[in-house]
Amino acid sequence: MPGFAVVKHLGSGARSTIWQLRQRPTGNSFALKRIVKEEPGDGRFFRQAHNEYGVARNFDHPVVRKIHRLRRVRRLFRLKEIHLLMELCEGTTLQDKRPATAAEVIDVFLKVAEGVTHINSRGYLHADVKPNNIVVAPNGTVKIIDLGQSCPIGTIKDRVQGTPDFIAPEQVDRHPLDARTDVFNFGATMYWVLTGQAIQTVLPKNDTMIFKADLAVTPPEQINPAVPAPLSKLVIECVELLPRRRPQTMKAVSSRLALCAHAISRGPPDPMIDLPEE
């Protein structure tokens, strides 16, 4: 991108690469997502990038990654690349490093809940909350990233979008999505962080049949005794199959998490969570 110098490669995804850039006049650091069209069907990656940029412009919260600019690159009058200039979110995703104590887990997810509450308050859903989309910096700063699947509340998507281990039933059934969809994704993510195991969702990972009994979720405290009972109960309520049985807003989830944090702070030091191997 003109006016910037490439510092290093940060990662790769479907048709995309992420780079750290330094702005030449100021020395400020940014992240650049470069999406390249390689096949005729790759237009969906461009649409997702446009969506991410358009949605991100509605948010202004320290936990939600900012996207500053979208640049289109054409060759022979055809769109070949899209560049998204984004806030550089330094740290490690929860996918790569899980918090070690119950207090740390709650602290991280309180911040995530604040960010998702902000997204919902602006009339949108994140719609893909998962460990790989939450970055935690060494100083404790938390960032929610990847708004590519975000959409207005009430959206009925034209195809199934989501990550199998964290997707809500209404996303699979292509029903209208609302804040309770983010609640489910959020709860499934907490479950994985607390137990090292993913819940069984209604989206099969292969061609096997899913039965109702397969969808029963073992409370996190039964897998990991270091999980406080109130936190375990909240997680189970968040991943209820029926939206009406879940907490109805992320703000309600945040309030429950704050109570969990208060209970832990009044008791003995919380034990290290023995996260099992995946």
Protein backbone atom coordinates (compact mmCIF):
# COMPACT_ATOMS: atom_id res chain seq x y z
CA MET A 1 0.00 0.00 0.00
CA PRO A 2 1.44 3.40 -0.92
CA GLY A 3 2.94 5.27 2.01
CA PHE A 4 3.61 2.12 4.01
CA ALA A 5 6.54 -0.26 4.42
CA VAL A 6 6.08 -3.98 4.98
CA VAL A 7 7.49 -5.12 8.34
CA LYS A 8 6.60 -8.81 8.42
CA HIS A 9 4.11 -11.50 7.50
CA LEU A 10 1.62 -12.22 10.29
CA GLY A 11 -0.57 -15.02 8.95
CA SER A 12 -2.61 -16.50 6.14
CA GLY A 13 -6.20 -17.48 5.48
CA ALA A 14 -8.46 -18.43 2.61
CA ARG A 15 -7.22 -16.31 -0.32
CA SER A 16 -5.76 -13.81 2.14
CA THR A 17 -2.52 -12.91 3.86
CA ILE A 18 -1.99 -10.58 6.82
CA TRP A 19 1.01 -8.26 7.03
CA GLN A 20 2.36 -5.80 9.56
CA LEU A 21 2.99 -2.38 7.99
CA ARG A 22 4.72 0.76 9.17
CA GLN A 23 3.45 4.11 8.00
CA ARG A 24 6.42 5.99 6.58
CA PRO A 25 5.61 9.55 7.72
CA THR A 26 4.56 8.67 11.27
CA GLY A 27 6.15 5.30 12.08
CA ASN A 28 2.76 4.03 13.28
CA SER A 29 2.08 0.30 12.88
CA PHE A 30 -0.94 -1.22 11.16
CA ALA A 31 -2.10 -4.58 9.87
CA LEU A 32 -2.95 -5.18 6.22
CA LYS A 33 -5.23 -7.94 4.99
CA ARG A 34 -4.52 -8.68 1.32
CA ILE A 35 -7.23 -10.66 -0.48
CA VAL A 36 -6.31 -11.96 -3.93
CA LYS A 37 -8.70 -13.35 -6.54
CA GLU A 38 -7.27 -16.57 -7.97
CA GLU A 39 -10.35 -18.35 -9.31
CA PRO A 40 -13.73 -17.20 -10.74
CA GLY A 41 -15.54 -18.23 -7.56
CA ASP A 42 -13.31 -16.11 -5.34
CA GLY A 43 -15.64 -13.15 -5.61
CA ARG A 44 -17.18 -14.22 -2.31
CA PHE A 45 -13.93 -13.35 -0.54
CA PHE A 46 -14.15 -9.85 -2.00
CA ARG A 47 -17.77 -9.54 -0.88
CA GLN A 48 -16.75 -10.63 2.61
CA ALA A 49 -13.99 -7.99 2.69
CA HIS A 50 -16.42 -5.28 1.59
CA ASN A 51 -18.84 -6.45 4.26
CA GLU A 52 -16.14 -6.41 6.94
CA TYR A 53 -15.13 -2.86 6.05
CA GLY A 54 -18.70 -1.58 5.82
CA VAL A 55 -19.74 -3.13 9.12
CA ALA A 56 -16.61 -2.06 11.03
CA ARG A 57 -17.26 1.60 10.25
CA ASN A 58 -20.30 1.45 12.56
CA PHE A 59 -18.27 0.56 15.65
CA ASP A 60 -16.12 2.57 18.01
CA HIS A 61 -15.08 0.41 20.94
CA PRO A 62 -11.59 -0.40 22.24
CA VAL A 63 -12.28 -4.15 22.19
CA VAL A 64 -13.44 -4.23 18.54
CA ARG A 65 -10.73 -4.08 15.90
CA LYS A 66 -10.85 -0.92 13.78
CA ILE A 67 -10.63 -1.03 9.99
CA HIS A 68 -9.36 2.24 8.58
CA ARG A 69 -9.36 1.85 4.81
CA LEU A 70 -10.32 -0.38 1.89
CA ARG A 71 -8.24 -0.28 -1.27
CA ARG A 72 -9.12 -1.94 -4.59
CA VAL A 73 -6.37 -3.06 -6.94
CA ARG A 74 -7.31 -3.47 -10.62
CA ARG A 75 -5.34 -4.96 -13.46
CA LEU A 76 -6.56 -4.66 -17.06
CA PHE A 77 -9.71 -3.04 -15.65
CA ARG A 78 -10.53 -6.09 -13.54
CA LEU A 79 -10.58 -6.18 -9.76
CA LYS A 80 -7.75 -8.48 -8.69
CA GLU A 81 -7.03 -7.59 -5.07
CA ILE A 82 -8.60 -5.89 -2.06
CA HIS A 83 -6.50 -4.48 0.78
CA LEU A 84 -7.94 -3.77 4.22
CA LEU A 85 -5.83 -1.43 6.37
CA MET A 86 -6.60 -2.41 9.96
CA GLU A 87 -5.63 -1.79 13.54
CA LEU A 88 -2.64 -3.92 14.50
CA CYS A 89 -3.79 -6.28 17.27
CA GLU A 90 -0.67 -7.62 18.92
CA GLY A 91 -0.95 -10.67 21.12
CA THR A 92 -2.06 -14.28 20.93
CA THR A 93 -5.45 -15.73 20.05
CA LEU A 94 -7.31 -17.84 22.59
CA GLN A 95 -6.99 -20.66 20.08
CA ASP A 96 -3.22 -20.59 20.60
CA LYS A 97 -3.08 -19.73 24.30
CA ARG A 98 -5.87 -20.17 26.83
CA PRO A 99 -5.96 -18.30 30.15
CA ALA A 100 -4.59 -20.29 33.07
CA THR A 101 -7.00 -19.39 35.87
CA ALA A 102 -10.74 -18.95 36.29
CA ALA A 103 -10.20 -15.28 37.15
CA GLU A 104 -8.26 -14.72 33.93
CA VAL A 105 -10.91 -16.49 31.85
CA ILE A 106 -13.65 -14.31 33.34
CA ASP A 107 -11.58 -11.15 32.86
CA VAL A 108 -11.03 -11.89 29.17
CA PHE A 109 -14.65 -12.79 28.51
CA LEU A 110 -15.97 -9.76 30.38
CA LYS A 111 -14.06 -7.64 27.86
CA VAL A 112 -15.29 -9.72 24.94
CA ALA A 113 -18.86 -9.37 26.23
CA GLU A 114 -18.43 -5.58 26.35
CA GLY A 115 -17.26 -5.55 22.75
CA VAL A 116 -20.07 -7.78 21.51
CA THR A 117 -22.60 -5.72 23.48
CA HIS A 118 -21.34 -2.65 21.61
CA ILE A 119 -21.69 -4.44 18.26
CA ASN A 120 -25.25 -5.47 19.14
CA SER A 121 -26.11 -1.96 20.36
CA ARG A 122 -25.28 -0.66 16.87
CA GLY A 123 -27.75 -3.11 15.34
CA TYR A 124 -25.28 -5.78 14.24
CA LEU A 125 -24.06 -9.25 15.16
CA HIS A 126 -20.51 -10.53 15.09
CA ALA A 127 -21.88 -13.97 14.14
CA ASP A 128 -18.53 -15.76 14.40
CA VAL A 129 -17.24 -15.40 17.96
CA LYS A 130 -14.66 -18.15 18.45
CA PRO A 131 -11.23 -18.60 20.07
CA ASN A 132 -9.36 -17.71 16.90
CA ASN A 133 -11.19 -14.37 16.69
CA ILE A 134 -10.19 -13.18 20.17
CA VAL A 135 -6.69 -11.77 20.63
CA VAL A 136 -5.17 -11.16 24.07
CA ALA A 137 -2.06 -8.96 24.38
CA PRO A 138 0.59 -9.48 27.09
CA ASN A 139 -0.71 -6.37 28.90
CA GLY A 140 -4.23 -7.85 29.07
CA THR A 141 -5.73 -5.88 26.18
CA VAL A 142 -8.43 -7.90 24.41
CA LYS A 143 -9.48 -7.47 20.78
CA ILE A 144 -12.33 -9.04 18.81
CA ILE A 145 -11.26 -9.50 15.21
CA ASP A 146 -12.67 -10.75 11.89
CA LEU A 147 -15.98 -9.07 11.12
CA GLY A 148 -16.33 -10.83 7.78
CA GLN A 149 -19.50 -12.69 8.81
CA SER A 150 -21.05 -9.80 10.73
CA CYS A 151 -24.54 -8.78 9.70
CA PRO A 152 -27.49 -6.65 10.79
CA ILE A 153 -29.70 -8.10 13.51
CA GLY A 154 -32.59 -9.99 11.93
CA THR A 155 -30.60 -11.17 8.92
CA ILE A 156 -31.49 -14.47 7.25
CA LYS A 157 -28.31 -15.54 5.46
CA ASP A 158 -28.51 -17.07 2.02
CA ARG A 159 -26.10 -19.85 3.02
CA VAL A 160 -24.83 -21.46 6.21
CA GLN A 161 -21.99 -19.41 7.67
CA GLY A 162 -20.14 -20.18 10.87
CA THR A 163 -17.56 -22.44 12.45
CA PRO A 164 -18.83 -25.98 13.20
CA ASP A 165 -17.64 -26.13 16.83
CA PHE A 166 -19.26 -22.78 17.74
CA ILE A 167 -22.19 -22.30 15.36
CA ALA A 168 -25.70 -21.73 16.71
CA PRO A 169 -28.64 -23.89 15.54
CA GLU A 170 -30.41 -20.92 13.96
CA GLN A 171 -27.32 -20.25 11.82
CA VAL A 172 -27.45 -23.79 10.49
CA ASP A 173 -31.22 -23.69 9.95
CA ARG A 174 -30.94 -20.26 8.30
CA HIS A 175 -33.43 -18.58 10.62
CA PRO A 176 -33.34 -14.86 11.50
CA LEU A 177 -30.30 -14.11 13.65
CA ASP A 178 -30.31 -11.89 16.73
CA ALA A 179 -28.23 -11.14 19.83
CA ARG A 180 -28.90 -14.64 21.18
CA THR A 181 -26.88 -16.00 18.26
CA ASP A 182 -23.82 -14.13 19.53
CA VAL A 183 -24.66 -15.44 23.02
CA PHE A 184 -24.46 -19.03 21.73
CA ASN A 185 -21.17 -18.48 19.88
CA PHE A 186 -19.79 -16.74 22.97
CA GLY A 187 -20.88 -19.58 25.28
CA ALA A 188 -19.44 -22.26 22.98
CA THR A 189 -16.15 -20.35 22.96
CA MET A 190 -16.06 -20.13 26.77
CA TYR A 191 -16.78 -23.86 26.93
CA TRP A 192 -13.79 -24.66 24.74
CA VAL A 193 -11.50 -22.34 26.72
CA LEU A 194 -12.57 -23.84 30.05
CA THR A 195 -12.50 -27.50 29.05
CA GLY A 196 -10.28 -27.87 26.02
CA GLN A 197 -13.23 -29.59 24.32
CA ALA A 198 -15.78 -28.36 21.79
CA ILE A 199 -19.49 -28.91 22.17
CA GLN A 200 -21.36 -30.92 19.58
CA THR A 201 -23.36 -28.50 17.45
CA VAL A 202 -26.11 -29.23 14.93
CA LEU A 203 -23.64 -28.78 12.07
CA PRO A 204 -21.97 -32.13 11.45
CA LYS A 205 -18.20 -32.15 10.97
CA ASN A 206 -18.49 -35.09 8.56
CA ASP A 207 -21.21 -37.23 6.99
CA THR A 208 -22.27 -38.89 10.24
CA MET A 209 -25.81 -38.55 11.55
CA ILE A 210 -26.36 -36.32 14.60
CA PHE A 211 -28.88 -37.51 17.20
CA LYS A 212 -30.49 -35.43 19.90
CA ALA A 213 -28.52 -37.28 22.59
CA ASP A 214 -25.30 -36.21 20.87
CA LEU A 215 -26.19 -32.58 21.54
CA ALA A 216 -26.32 -32.97 25.34
CA VAL A 217 -23.59 -30.76 26.81
CA THR A 218 -21.61 -31.92 29.84
CA PRO A 219 -21.26 -29.03 32.32
CA PRO A 220 -17.73 -27.59 32.24
CA GLU A 221 -17.27 -28.15 35.98
CA GLN A 222 -17.67 -31.91 35.44
CA ILE A 223 -14.82 -31.90 32.95
CA ASN A 224 -12.66 -29.39 34.79
CA PRO A 225 -13.35 -29.19 38.56
CA ALA A 226 -11.56 -25.84 38.74
CA VAL A 227 -14.46 -24.16 36.89
CA PRO A 228 -16.70 -22.36 39.41
CA ALA A 229 -20.26 -23.69 39.46
CA PRO A 230 -21.92 -20.32 38.61
CA LEU A 231 -19.65 -19.92 35.59
CA SER A 232 -20.36 -23.49 34.47
CA LYS A 233 -24.12 -22.84 34.78
CA LEU A 234 -23.86 -19.64 32.72
CA VAL A 235 -21.97 -21.40 29.94
CA ILE A 236 -24.57 -24.18 29.75
CA GLU A 237 -27.38 -21.62 29.53
CA CYS A 238 -25.60 -19.75 26.74
CA VAL A 239 -25.43 -22.87 24.55
CA GLU A 240 -29.07 -23.88 24.91
CA LEU A 241 -30.38 -25.07 21.55
CA LEU A 242 -33.52 -22.92 21.81
CA PRO A 243 -32.74 -19.18 21.73
CA ARG A 244 -35.55 -18.40 24.18
CA ARG A 245 -33.77 -20.48 26.85
CA ARG A 246 -30.52 -18.55 26.59
CA PRO A 247 -29.68 -15.21 28.21
CA GLN A 248 -31.45 -12.79 25.92
CA THR A 249 -28.66 -10.22 25.53
CA MET A 250 -24.90 -10.01 25.83
CA LYS A 251 -25.44 -7.36 28.48
CA ALA A 252 -27.21 -9.98 30.62
CA VAL A 253 -24.28 -12.35 30.08
CA SER A 254 -21.87 -9.60 31.10
CA SER A 255 -23.79 -9.01 34.32
CA ARG A 256 -23.64 -12.71 35.19
CA LEU A 257 -19.90 -12.80 34.45
CA ALA A 258 -19.37 -9.81 36.75
CA LEU A 259 -21.12 -11.71 39.55
CA CYS A 260 -18.83 -14.70 38.91
CA ALA A 261 -15.80 -12.42 39.09
CA HIS A 262 -17.02 -10.92 42.37
CA ALA A 263 -17.61 -14.36 43.90
CA ILE A 264 -14.10 -15.49 42.98
CA SER A 265 -12.52 -12.33 44.35
CA ARG A 266 -14.12 -12.91 47.76
CA GLY A 267 -12.98 -16.51 48.04
CA PRO A 268 -9.56 -18.13 48.21
CA PRO A 269 -7.23 -17.67 45.23
CA ASP A 270 -8.68 -19.50 42.26
CA PRO A 271 -6.76 -22.64 41.35
CA MET A 272 -4.94 -23.08 38.10
CA ILE A 273 -7.23 -24.57 35.50
CA ASP A 274 -5.82 -27.87 34.34
CA LEU A 275 -6.67 -27.61 30.66
CA PRO A 276 -6.57 -31.09 29.14
CA GLU A 277 -4.83 -31.88 25.91
CA GLU A 278 -7.03 -31.65 22.83
